[in-house]
PDB file of N, CA and C in Angstrom:
ATOM      1  N   MET A   1     117.997 -19.483  59.670  1.00  0.00           N
ATOM      2  CA  MET A   1     119.184 -18.979  58.970  1.00  0.00           C
ATOM      3  C   MET A   1     119.264 -19.826  57.847  1.00  0.00           C
ATOM      4  N   ILE A   2     118.879 -21.086  57.764  1.00  0.00           N
ATOM      5  CA  ILE A   2     119.122 -22.009  56.578  1.00  0.00           C
ATOM      6  C   ILE A   2     118.124 -21.484  55.545  1.00  0.00           C
ATOM      7  N   LEU A   3     116.862 -20.984  55.846  1.00  0.00           N
ATOM      8  CA  LEU A   3     116.056 -20.700  55.085  1.00  0.00           C
ATOM      9  C   LEU A   3     116.520 -19.181  54.267  1.00  0.00           C
ATOM     10  N   ALA A   4     116.903 -18.239  55.071  1.00  0.00           N
ATOM     11  CA  ALA A   4     117.574 -17.090  54.492  1.00  0.00           C
ATOM     12  C   ALA A   4     118.705 -17.296  53.385  1.00  0.00           C
ATOM     13  N   ALA A   5     119.542 -18.217  53.820  1.00  0.00           N
ATOM     14  CA  ALA A   5     120.729 -18.686  52.865  1.00  0.00           C
ATOM     15  C   ALA A   5     120.155 -19.267  51.569  1.00  0.00           C
ATOM     16  N   TYR A   6     119.074 -20.223  51.804  1.00  0.00           N
ATOM     17  CA  TYR A   6     118.467 -20.710  50.699  1.00  0.00           C
ATOM     18  C   TYR A   6     117.921 -19.708  49.740  1.00  0.00           C
ATOM     19  N   CYS A   7     117.077 -18.618  50.247  1.00  0.00           N
ATOM     20  CA  CYS A   7     116.584 -17.651  49.492  1.00  0.00           C
ATOM     21  C   CYS A   7     117.526 -16.727  48.779  1.00  0.00           C
ATOM     22  N   LEU A   8     118.703 -16.463  49.597  1.00  0.00           N
ATOM     23  CA  LEU A   8     119.636 -15.717  48.914  1.00  0.00           C
ATOM     24  C   LEU A   8     120.210 -16.449  47.696  1.00  0.00           C
ATOM     25  N   ALA A   9     120.468 -17.589  47.916  1.00  0.00           N
ATOM     26  CA  ALA A   9     121.031 -18.425  46.963  1.00  0.00           C
ATOM     27  C   ALA A   9     120.071 -18.481  45.781  1.00  0.00           C
ATOM     28  N   LEU A  10     119.009 -18.638  45.769  1.00  0.00           N
ATOM     29  CA  LEU A  10     117.912 -18.670  44.683  1.00  0.00           C
ATOM     30  C   LEU A  10     118.020 -17.344  44.133  1.00  0.00           C
ATOM     31  N   ALA A  11     117.967 -16.254  44.912  1.00  0.00           N
ATOM     32  CA  ALA A  11     117.988 -14.891  44.134  1.00  0.00           C
ATOM     33  C   ALA A  11     119.238 -14.756  43.357  1.00  0.00           C
ATOM     34  N   ALA A  12     120.431 -15.004  43.881  1.00  0.00           N
ATOM     35  CA  ALA A  12     121.594 -14.927  43.202  1.00  0.00           C
ATOM     36  C   ALA A  12     121.524 -15.738  42.037  1.00  0.00           C
ATOM     37  N   LEU A  13     121.215 -16.984  42.038  1.00  0.00           N
ATOM     38  CA  LEU A  13     121.196 -17.835  40.852  1.00  0.00           C
ATOM     39  C   LEU A  13     120.055 -17.132  39.721  1.00  0.00           C
ATOM     40  N   ALA A  14     119.122 -16.524  40.208  1.00  0.00           N
ATOM     41  CA  ALA A  14     118.110 -16.083  39.313  1.00  0.00           C
ATOM     42  C   ALA A  14     118.785 -14.715  38.636  1.00  0.00           C
ATOM     43  N   GLY A  15     119.461 -13.989  39.493  1.00  0.00           N
ATOM     44  CA  GLY A  15     120.028 -12.811  39.101  1.00  0.00           C
ATOM     45  C   GLY A  15     121.246 -13.174  37.952  1.00  0.00           C
ATOM     46  N   LEU A  16     122.024 -14.284  38.289  1.00  0.00           N
ATOM     47  CA  LEU A  16     123.018 -14.586  37.285  1.00  0.00           C
ATOM     48  C   LEU A  16     122.471 -15.102  36.004  1.00  0.00           C
ATOM     49  N   ALA A  17     121.307 -15.817  36.084  1.00  0.00           N
ATOM     50  CA  ALA A  17     120.685 -16.293  34.992  1.00  0.00           C
ATOM     51  C   ALA A  17     120.092 -15.216  34.091  1.00  0.00           C
ATOM     52  N   ALA A  18     119.416 -14.247  34.701  1.00  0.00           N
ATOM     53  CA  ALA A  18     119.037 -13.100  33.983  1.00  0.00           C
ATOM     54  C   ALA A  18     120.174 -12.211  33.440  1.00  0.00           C
ATOM     55  N   TRP A  19     121.129 -11.974  34.153  1.00  0.00           N
ATOM     56  CA  TRP A  19     122.308 -11.257  33.677  1.00  0.00           C
ATOM     57  C   TRP A  19     123.030 -11.993  32.472  1.00  0.00           C
ATOM     58  N   CYS A  20     123.210 -13.310  32.356  1.00  0.00           N
ATOM     59  CA  CYS A  20     123.797 -14.013  31.326  1.00  0.00           C
ATOM     60  C   CYS A  20     122.860 -14.076  30.131  1.00  0.00           C
ATOM     61  N   ALA A  21     121.375 -14.051  30.306  1.00  0.00           N
ATOM     62  CA  ALA A  21     120.507 -14.130  29.230  1.00  0.00           C
ATOM     63  C   ALA A  21     120.150 -12.759  28.492  1.00  0.00           C
ATOM     64  N   ALA A  22     120.357 -11.822  29.356  1.00  0.00           N
ATOM     65  CA  ALA A  22     119.939 -10.583  28.626  1.00  0.00           C
ATOM     66  C   ALA A  22     120.911  -9.789  27.963  1.00  0.00           C
ATOM     67  N   THR A  23     120.634  -9.411  26.796  1.00  0.00           N
ATOM     68  CA  THR A  23     121.853  -8.575  26.021  1.00  0.00           C
ATOM     69  C   THR A  23     121.266  -7.268  25.811  1.00  0.00           C
ATOM     70  N   ARG A  24     119.777  -6.946  25.762  1.00  0.00           N
ATOM     71  CA  ARG A  24     119.285  -5.859  25.688  1.00  0.00           C
ATOM     72  C   ARG A  24     118.357  -5.557  26.885  1.00  0.00           C
ATOM     73  N   TRP A  25     117.971  -4.196  27.036  1.00  0.00           N
ATOM     74  CA  TRP A  25     117.236  -4.000  28.126  1.00  0.00           C
ATOM     75  C   TRP A  25     115.768  -4.553  28.208  1.00  0.00           C
ATOM     76  N   TRP A  26     115.123  -4.756  26.944  1.00  0.00           N
ATOM     77  CA  TRP A  26     113.755  -5.160  27.082  1.00  0.00           C
ATOM     78  C   TRP A  26     113.839  -6.986  27.359  1.00  0.00           C
ATOM     79  N   HIS A  27     115.199  -7.507  27.426  1.00  0.00           N
ATOM     80  CA  HIS A  27     115.129  -8.939  27.567  1.00  0.00           C
ATOM     81  C   HIS A  27     114.612  -9.092  29.207  1.00  0.00           C
ATOM     82  N   TYR A  28     114.873  -8.238  29.947  1.00  0.00           N
ATOM     83  CA  TYR A  28     114.666  -8.213  31.162  1.00  0.00           C
ATOM     84  C   TYR A  28     112.937  -8.276  31.272  1.00  0.00           C
ATOM     85  N   LEU A  29     112.232  -7.454  30.345  1.00  0.00           N
ATOM     86  CA  LEU A  29     110.793  -7.324  30.453  1.00  0.00           C
ATOM     87  C   LEU A  29     110.311  -8.815  30.028  1.00  0.00           C
ATOM     88  N   VAL A  30     111.043  -9.262  28.760  1.00  0.00           N
ATOM     89  CA  VAL A  30     110.710 -10.533  28.433  1.00  0.00           C
ATOM     90  C   VAL A  30     110.806 -11.643  29.472  1.00  0.00           C
ATOM     91  N   MET A  31     111.696 -11.706  30.256  1.00  0.00           N
ATOM     92  CA  MET A  31     111.883 -12.687  31.244  1.00  0.00           C
ATOM     93  C   MET A  31     110.749 -12.381  32.416  1.00  0.00           C
ATOM     94  N   ALA A  32     110.614 -11.196  32.533  1.00  0.00           N
ATOM     95  CA  ALA A  32     109.473 -10.788  33.745  1.00  0.00           C
ATOM     96  C   ALA A  32     108.110 -11.323  33.273  1.00  0.00           C
ATOM     97  N   VAL A  33     107.754 -11.357  32.024  1.00  0.00           N
ATOM     98  CA  VAL A  33     106.448 -11.910  31.683  1.00  0.00           C
ATOM     99  C   VAL A  33     106.432 -13.481  31.184  1.00  0.00           C
ATOM    100  N   ALA A  34     107.742 -14.027  30.989  1.00  0.00           N
ATOM    101  CA  ALA A  34     107.772 -15.267  30.496  1.00  0.00           C
ATOM    102  C   ALA A  34     107.613 -16.390  31.661  1.00  0.00           C
ATOM    103  N   TRP A  35     108.012 -15.832  32.860  1.00  0.00           N
ATOM    104  CA  TRP A  35     107.801 -16.765  34.023  1.00  0.00           C
ATOM    105  C   TRP A  35     106.673 -17.107  34.375  1.00  0.00           C
ATOM    106  N   VAL A  36     105.475 -16.242  33.974  1.00  0.00           N
ATOM    107  CA  VAL A  36     104.091 -16.530  34.493  1.00  0.00           C
ATOM    108  C   VAL A  36     103.625 -17.747  33.693  1.00  0.00           C
ATOM    109  N   PRO A  37     103.686 -18.132  32.468  1.00  0.00           N
ATOM    110  CA  PRO A  37     103.083 -19.318  32.081  1.00  0.00           C
ATOM    111  C   PRO A  37     103.940 -20.509  32.490  1.00  0.00           C
ATOM    112  N   LEU A  38     105.055 -20.395  32.977  1.00  0.00           N
ATOM    113  CA  LEU A  38     105.925 -21.308  33.440  1.00  0.00           C
ATOM    114  C   LEU A  38     105.578 -21.845  34.885  1.00  0.00           C
ATOM    115  N   PHE A  39     104.914 -20.703  35.715  1.00  0.00           N
ATOM    116  CA  PHE A  39     104.653 -21.052  37.159  1.00  0.00           C
ATOM    117  C   PHE A  39     103.805 -22.106  37.284  1.00  0.00           C
ATOM    118  N   PRO A  40     102.604 -22.466  36.539  1.00  0.00           N
ATOM    119  CA  PRO A  40     101.884 -23.656  37.009  1.00  0.00           C
ATOM    120  C   PRO A  40     102.616 -24.926  36.624  1.00  0.00           C
ATOM    121  N   LEU A  41     103.486 -24.926  35.710  1.00  0.00           N
ATOM    122  CA  LEU A  41     104.270 -26.220  35.314  1.00  0.00           C
ATOM    123  C   LEU A  41     105.274 -26.432  36.284  1.00  0.00           C
ATOM    124  N   VAL A  42     105.942 -25.473  36.871  1.00  0.00           N
ATOM    125  CA  VAL A  42     106.829 -25.667  37.900  1.00  0.00           C
ATOM    126  C   VAL A  42     106.053 -26.001  39.124  1.00  0.00           C
ATOM    127  N   ALA A  43     105.181 -25.451  39.523  1.00  0.00           N
ATOM    128  CA  ALA A  43     104.400 -25.568  40.789  1.00  0.00           C
ATOM    129  C   ALA A  43     103.847 -27.098  40.795  1.00  0.00           C
ATOM    130  N   THR A  44     103.376 -27.633  39.829  1.00  0.00           N
ATOM    131  CA  THR A  44     102.841 -28.954  39.919  1.00  0.00           C
ATOM    132  C   THR A  44     103.852 -29.920  39.534  1.00  0.00           C
ATOM    133  N   ARG A  45     104.860 -29.803  38.788  1.00  0.00           N
ATOM    134  CA  ARG A  45     105.757 -30.828  38.541  1.00  0.00           C
ATOM    135  C   ARG A  45     107.166 -30.812  39.298  1.00  0.00           C
ATOM    136  N   LEU A  46     107.579 -29.603  39.549  1.00  0.00           N
ATOM    137  CA  LEU A  46     108.807 -29.624  40.188  1.00  0.00           C
ATOM    138  C   LEU A  46     108.950 -29.319  41.707  1.00  0.00           C
ATOM    139  N   MET A  47     108.393 -28.370  42.038  1.00  0.00           N
ATOM    140  CA  MET A  47     108.509 -27.807  43.606  1.00  0.00           C
ATOM    141  C   MET A  47     107.523 -28.389  44.264  1.00  0.00           C
ATOM    142  N   GLY A  48     106.263 -27.641  44.332  1.00  0.00           N
ATOM    143  CA  GLY A  48     105.287 -27.804  45.352  1.00  0.00           C
ATOM    144  C   GLY A  48     105.503 -27.496  46.635  1.00  0.00           C
ATOM    145  N   ASP A  49     105.606 -28.508  47.708  1.00  0.00           N
ATOM    146  CA  ASP A  49     106.004 -28.244  48.964  1.00  0.00           C
ATOM    147  C   ASP A  49     107.440 -28.416  49.092  1.00  0.00           C
ATOM    148  N   VAL A  50     108.386 -27.283  49.433  1.00  0.00           N
ATOM    149  CA  VAL A  50     109.642 -27.476  49.623  1.00  0.00           C
ATOM    150  C   VAL A  50     110.191 -28.015  50.992  1.00  0.00           C
ATOM    151  N   SER A  51     109.305 -28.146  52.015  1.00  0.00           N
ATOM    152  CA  SER A  51     109.761 -28.671  53.176  1.00  0.00           C
ATOM    153  C   SER A  51     110.337 -30.034  53.142  1.00  0.00           C
ATOM    154  N   ARG A  52     109.952 -30.859  52.092  1.00  0.00           N
ATOM    155  CA  ARG A  52     110.534 -31.974  51.864  1.00  0.00           C
ATOM    156  C   ARG A  52     111.826 -32.132  51.301  1.00  0.00           C
ATOM    157  N   TYR A  53     112.320 -31.058  50.823  1.00  0.00           N
ATOM    158  CA  TYR A  53     113.754 -30.848  50.128  1.00  0.00           C
ATOM    159  C   TYR A  53     114.737 -30.280  51.220  1.00  0.00           C
ATOM    160  N   LEU A  54     114.174 -29.411  52.301  1.00  0.00           N
ATOM    161  CA  LEU A  54     115.139 -28.839  52.969  1.00  0.00           C
ATOM    162  C   LEU A  54     115.262 -29.723  54.503  1.00  0.00           C
ATOM    163  N   PRO A  55     116.536 -29.579  55.055  1.00  0.00           N
ATOM    164  CA  PRO A  55     116.707 -30.478  56.332  1.00  0.00           C
ATOM    165  C   PRO A  55     115.733 -30.067  57.360  1.00  0.00           C
ATOM    166  N   GLU A  56     115.624 -31.057  58.287  1.00  0.00           N
ATOM    167  CA  GLU A  56     114.881 -30.649  59.332  1.00  0.00           C
ATOM    168  C   GLU A  56     115.332 -29.818  60.328  1.00  0.00           C
ATOM    169  N   GLY A  57     114.369 -28.986  61.027  1.00  0.00           N
ATOM    170  CA  GLY A  57     114.815 -27.892  61.812  1.00  0.00           C
ATOM    171  C   GLY A  57     114.982 -26.602  60.950  1.00  0.00           C
ATOM    172  N   THR A  58     114.672 -26.472  59.745  1.00  0.00           N
ATOM    173  CA  THR A  58     114.653 -25.436  58.956  1.00  0.00           C
ATOM    174  C   THR A  58     113.485 -24.508  59.330  1.00  0.00           C
ATOM    175  N   PHE A  59     112.349 -24.926  59.472  1.00  0.00           N
ATOM    176  CA  PHE A  59     110.991 -24.368  59.852  1.00  0.00           C
ATOM    177  C   PHE A  59     110.764 -24.523  61.236  1.00  0.00           C
ATOM    178  N   SER A  60     110.168 -23.460  61.772  1.00  0.00           N
ATOM    179  CA  SER A  60     109.657 -23.393  63.132  1.00  0.00           C
ATOM    180  C   SER A  60     108.740 -24.643  63.435  1.00  0.00           C
ATOM    181  N   ASP A  61     108.422 -24.909  64.754  1.00  0.00           N
ATOM    182  CA  ASP A  61     107.652 -26.055  65.115  1.00  0.00           C
ATOM    183  C   ASP A  61     106.224 -25.507  65.280  1.00  0.00           C
ATOM    184  N   ASP A  62     106.067 -24.282  65.542  1.00  0.00           N
ATOM    185  CA  ASP A  62     104.810 -23.866  66.008  1.00  0.00           C
ATOM    186  C   ASP A  62     103.991 -23.420  64.616  1.00  0.00           C
ATOM    187  N   SER A  63     102.958 -22.680  64.845  1.00  0.00           N
ATOM    188  CA  SER A  63     101.971 -22.385  63.807  1.00  0.00           C
ATOM    189  C   SER A  63     102.763 -21.567  62.719  1.00  0.00           C
ATOM    190  N   SER A  64     103.756 -20.820  63.047  1.00  0.00           N
ATOM    191  CA  SER A  64     104.482 -19.793  62.112  1.00  0.00           C
ATOM    192  C   SER A  64     105.217 -20.759  61.205  1.00  0.00           C
ATOM    193  N   GLY A  65     105.644 -21.916  61.692  1.00  0.00           N
ATOM    194  CA  GLY A  65     106.176 -22.792  60.648  1.00  0.00           C
ATOM    195  C   GLY A  65     105.620 -23.146  59.348  1.00  0.00           C
ATOM    196  N   LYS A  66     104.167 -23.228  59.565  1.00  0.00           N
ATOM    197  CA  LYS A  66     103.187 -23.524  58.338  1.00  0.00           C
ATOM    198  C   LYS A  66     103.402 -22.368  57.278  1.00  0.00           C
ATOM    199  N   ASP A  67     103.280 -21.198  58.057  1.00  0.00           N
ATOM    200  CA  ASP A  67     103.430 -19.841  57.191  1.00  0.00           C
ATOM    201  C   ASP A  67     104.742 -19.868  56.438  1.00  0.00           C
ATOM    202  N   GLU A  68     105.842 -20.204  57.190  1.00  0.00           N
ATOM    203  CA  GLU A  68     107.106 -20.199  56.574  1.00  0.00           C
ATOM    204  C   GLU A  68     107.257 -21.136  55.476  1.00  0.00           C
ATOM    205  N   ILE A  69     106.678 -22.391  55.570  1.00  0.00           N
ATOM    206  CA  ILE A  69     106.699 -23.538  54.538  1.00  0.00           C
ATOM    207  C   ILE A  69     105.901 -22.899  53.123  1.00  0.00           C
ATOM    208  N   VAL A  70     104.665 -22.322  53.502  1.00  0.00           N
ATOM    209  CA  VAL A  70     104.046 -21.588  52.291  1.00  0.00           C
ATOM    210  C   VAL A  70     104.786 -20.514  51.558  1.00  0.00           C
ATOM    211  N   LEU A  71     105.353 -19.683  52.399  1.00  0.00           N
ATOM    212  CA  LEU A  71     106.078 -18.406  51.754  1.00  0.00           C
ATOM    213  C   LEU A  71     107.425 -19.148  50.992  1.00  0.00           C
ATOM    214  N   ALA A  72     108.010 -20.101  51.645  1.00  0.00           N
ATOM    215  CA  ALA A  72     109.325 -20.640  50.974  1.00  0.00           C
ATOM    216  C   ALA A  72     108.868 -21.448  49.853  1.00  0.00           C
ATOM    217  N   SER A  73     107.734 -21.942  49.751  1.00  0.00           N
ATOM    218  CA  SER A  73     107.310 -22.763  48.585  1.00  0.00           C
ATOM    219  C   SER A  73     106.874 -21.791  47.361  1.00  0.00           C
ATOM    220  N   VAL A  74     106.328 -20.669  47.692  1.00  0.00           N
ATOM    221  CA  VAL A  74     105.995 -19.775  46.800  1.00  0.00           C
ATOM    222  C   VAL A  74     107.342 -19.049  46.073  1.00  0.00           C
ATOM    223  N   TYR A  75     107.967 -18.709  47.094  1.00  0.00           N
ATOM    224  CA  TYR A  75     109.363 -17.998  46.748  1.00  0.00           C
ATOM    225  C   TYR A  75     110.095 -18.927  45.727  1.00  0.00           C
ATOM    226  N   SER A  76     110.213 -20.014  46.051  1.00  0.00           N
ATOM    227  CA  SER A  76     111.117 -21.116  45.348  1.00  0.00           C
ATOM    228  C   SER A  76     110.566 -21.297  44.002  1.00  0.00           C
ATOM    229  N   THR A  77     109.186 -21.486  43.996  1.00  0.00           N
ATOM    230  CA  THR A  77     108.600 -21.715  42.778  1.00  0.00           C
ATOM    231  C   THR A  77     108.666 -20.442  41.739  1.00  0.00           C
ATOM    232  N   VAL A  78     108.370 -19.329  42.330  1.00  0.00           N
ATOM    233  CA  VAL A  78     108.559 -18.251  41.498  1.00  0.00           C
ATOM    234  C   VAL A  78     109.948 -17.993  40.806  1.00  0.00           C
ATOM    235  N   MET A  79     110.858 -18.298  41.823  1.00  0.00           N
ATOM    236  CA  MET A  79     112.392 -17.997  41.404  1.00  0.00           C
ATOM    237  C   MET A  79     112.712 -19.180  40.345  1.00  0.00           C
ATOM    238  N   LEU A  80     112.347 -20.292  40.525  1.00  0.00           N
ATOM    239  CA  LEU A  80     112.627 -21.481  39.641  1.00  0.00           C
ATOM    240  C   LEU A  80     112.023 -21.084  38.272  1.00  0.00           C
ATOM    241  N   ALA A  81     110.770 -20.662  38.252  1.00  0.00           N
ATOM    242  CA  ALA A  81     110.090 -20.240  37.056  1.00  0.00           C
ATOM    243  C   ALA A  81     110.817 -19.251  36.341  1.00  0.00           C
ATOM    244  N   PHE A  82     111.385 -18.323  36.980  1.00  0.00           N
ATOM    245  CA  PHE A  82     112.055 -17.143  36.561  1.00  0.00           C
ATOM    246  C   PHE A  82     113.362 -17.561  35.959  1.00  0.00           C
ATOM    247  N   ILE A  83     114.099 -18.511  36.572  1.00  0.00           N
ATOM    248  CA  ILE A  83     115.221 -19.094  36.213  1.00  0.00           C
ATOM    249  C   ILE A  83     115.098 -19.933  34.974  1.00  0.00           C
ATOM    250  N   PHE A  84     113.944 -20.551  34.639  1.00  0.00           N
ATOM    251  CA  PHE A  84     113.715 -21.349  33.491  1.00  0.00           C
ATOM    252  C   PHE A  84     113.606 -20.534  32.444  1.00  0.00           C
ATOM    253  N   ALA A  85     112.622 -19.310  32.699  1.00  0.00           N
ATOM    254  CA  ALA A  85     112.519 -18.224  31.658  1.00  0.00           C
ATOM    255  C   ALA A  85     113.713 -17.789  31.179  1.00  0.00           C
ATOM    256  N   ALA A  86     114.640 -17.436  32.058  1.00  0.00           N
ATOM    257  CA  ALA A  86     115.997 -16.655  31.704  1.00  0.00           C
ATOM    258  C   ALA A  86     116.708 -17.756  30.924  1.00  0.00           C
ATOM    259  N   LEU A  87     116.764 -19.121  31.276  1.00  0.00           N
ATOM    260  CA  LEU A  87     117.561 -20.105  30.558  1.00  0.00           C
ATOM    261  C   LEU A  87     116.935 -20.326  28.943  1.00  0.00           C
ATOM    262  N   ALA A  88     115.662 -20.217  28.985  1.00  0.00           N
ATOM    263  CA  ALA A  88     114.950 -20.480  27.659  1.00  0.00           C
ATOM    264  C   ALA A  88     115.326 -19.120  26.751  1.00  0.00           C
ATOM    265  N   LEU A  89     115.273 -18.005  27.289  1.00  0.00           N
ATOM    266  CA  LEU A  89     115.740 -16.696  26.722  1.00  0.00           C
ATOM    267  C   LEU A  89     117.391 -16.877  26.072  1.00  0.00           C
ATOM    268  N   TRP A  90     118.102 -17.290  26.889  1.00  0.00           N
ATOM    269  CA  TRP A  90     119.497 -17.643  26.680  1.00  0.00           C
ATOM    270  C   TRP A  90     119.626 -18.535  25.595  1.00  0.00           C
ATOM    271  N   ALA A  91     118.831 -19.629  25.804  1.00  0.00           N
ATOM    272  CA  ALA A  91     118.983 -20.632  24.641  1.00  0.00           C
ATOM    273  C   ALA A  91     118.591 -20.240  23.207  1.00  0.00           C
ATOM    274  N   ILE A  92     117.627 -19.282  23.440  1.00  0.00           N
ATOM    275  CA  ILE A  92     117.020 -18.783  22.104  1.00  0.00           C
ATOM    276  C   ILE A  92     117.939 -17.897  21.390  1.00  0.00           C
ATOM    277  N   GLY A  93     118.521 -17.094  22.437  1.00  0.00           N
ATOM    278  CA  GLY A  93     119.588 -16.158  21.912  1.00  0.00           C
ATOM    279  C   GLY A  93     120.744 -16.866  21.138  1.00  0.00           C
ATOM    280  N   VAL A  94     121.258 -17.947  21.790  1.00  0.00           N
ATOM    281  CA  VAL A  94     122.529 -18.683  21.234  1.00  0.00           C
ATOM    282  C   VAL A  94     122.044 -19.205  19.962  1.00  0.00           C
ATOM    283  N   GLY A  95     120.723 -19.818  19.970  1.00  0.00           N
ATOM    284  CA  GLY A  95     120.307 -20.401  18.788  1.00  0.00           C
ATOM    285  C   GLY A  95     120.246 -19.566  17.602  1.00  0.00           C
ATOM    286  N   TRP A  96     119.716 -18.389  17.846  1.00  0.00           N
ATOM    287  CA  TRP A  96     119.588 -17.307  16.935  1.00  0.00           C
ATOM    288  C   TRP A  96     120.906 -16.894  16.413  1.00  0.00           C
ATOM    289  N   ARG A  97     121.854 -16.715  17.156  1.00  0.00           N
ATOM    290  CA  ARG A  97     123.298 -16.303  16.847  1.00  0.00           C
ATOM    291  C   ARG A  97     123.927 -17.374  15.979  1.00  0.00           C
ATOM    292  N   ARG A  98     123.700 -18.554  16.372  1.00  0.00           N
ATOM    293  CA  ARG A  98     124.361 -19.670  15.543  1.00  0.00           C
ATOM    294  C   ARG A  98     123.715 -19.812  14.226  1.00  0.00           C
ATOM    295  N   LEU A  99     122.492 -19.420  14.087  1.00  0.00           N
ATOM    296  CA  LEU A  99     121.614 -19.349  12.705  1.00  0.00           C
ATOM    297  C   LEU A  99     122.101 -18.471  11.851  1.00  0.00           C
ATOM    298  N   ARG A 100     122.433 -17.245  12.541  1.00  0.00           N
ATOM    299  CA  ARG A 100     122.799 -16.130  11.524  1.00  0.00           C
ATOM    300  C   ARG A 100     124.357 -16.092  11.146  1.00  0.00           C
ATOM    301  N   ARG A 101     125.220 -17.010  11.349  1.00  0.00           N
ATOM    302  CA  ARG A 101     126.427 -17.249  11.085  1.00  0.00           C
ATOM    303  C   ARG A 101     126.442 -17.782   9.547  1.00  0.00           C
TER     304      ARG A 101
END
């Protein structure tokens, strides 16, 4: 249950970041491509194994718990890379609008 809430919260945060960053339809395409180069950086520096960040009892104790840890780690790394891509696009948009004034 905690894992599902965690995944929903990350998805909501990614959706909010994308909604705030995009002013044109093609901005969503830019974000969909921009997260790919950020993935290795986020995977090695920030996320990696998410089991150390979540409370005990989040994952199953048997062998399916290992699969849950891997899936949760990949999901959180992809979502965080997408959120960073959206924030970068938003910052570029804000900077561009300020330069044009």
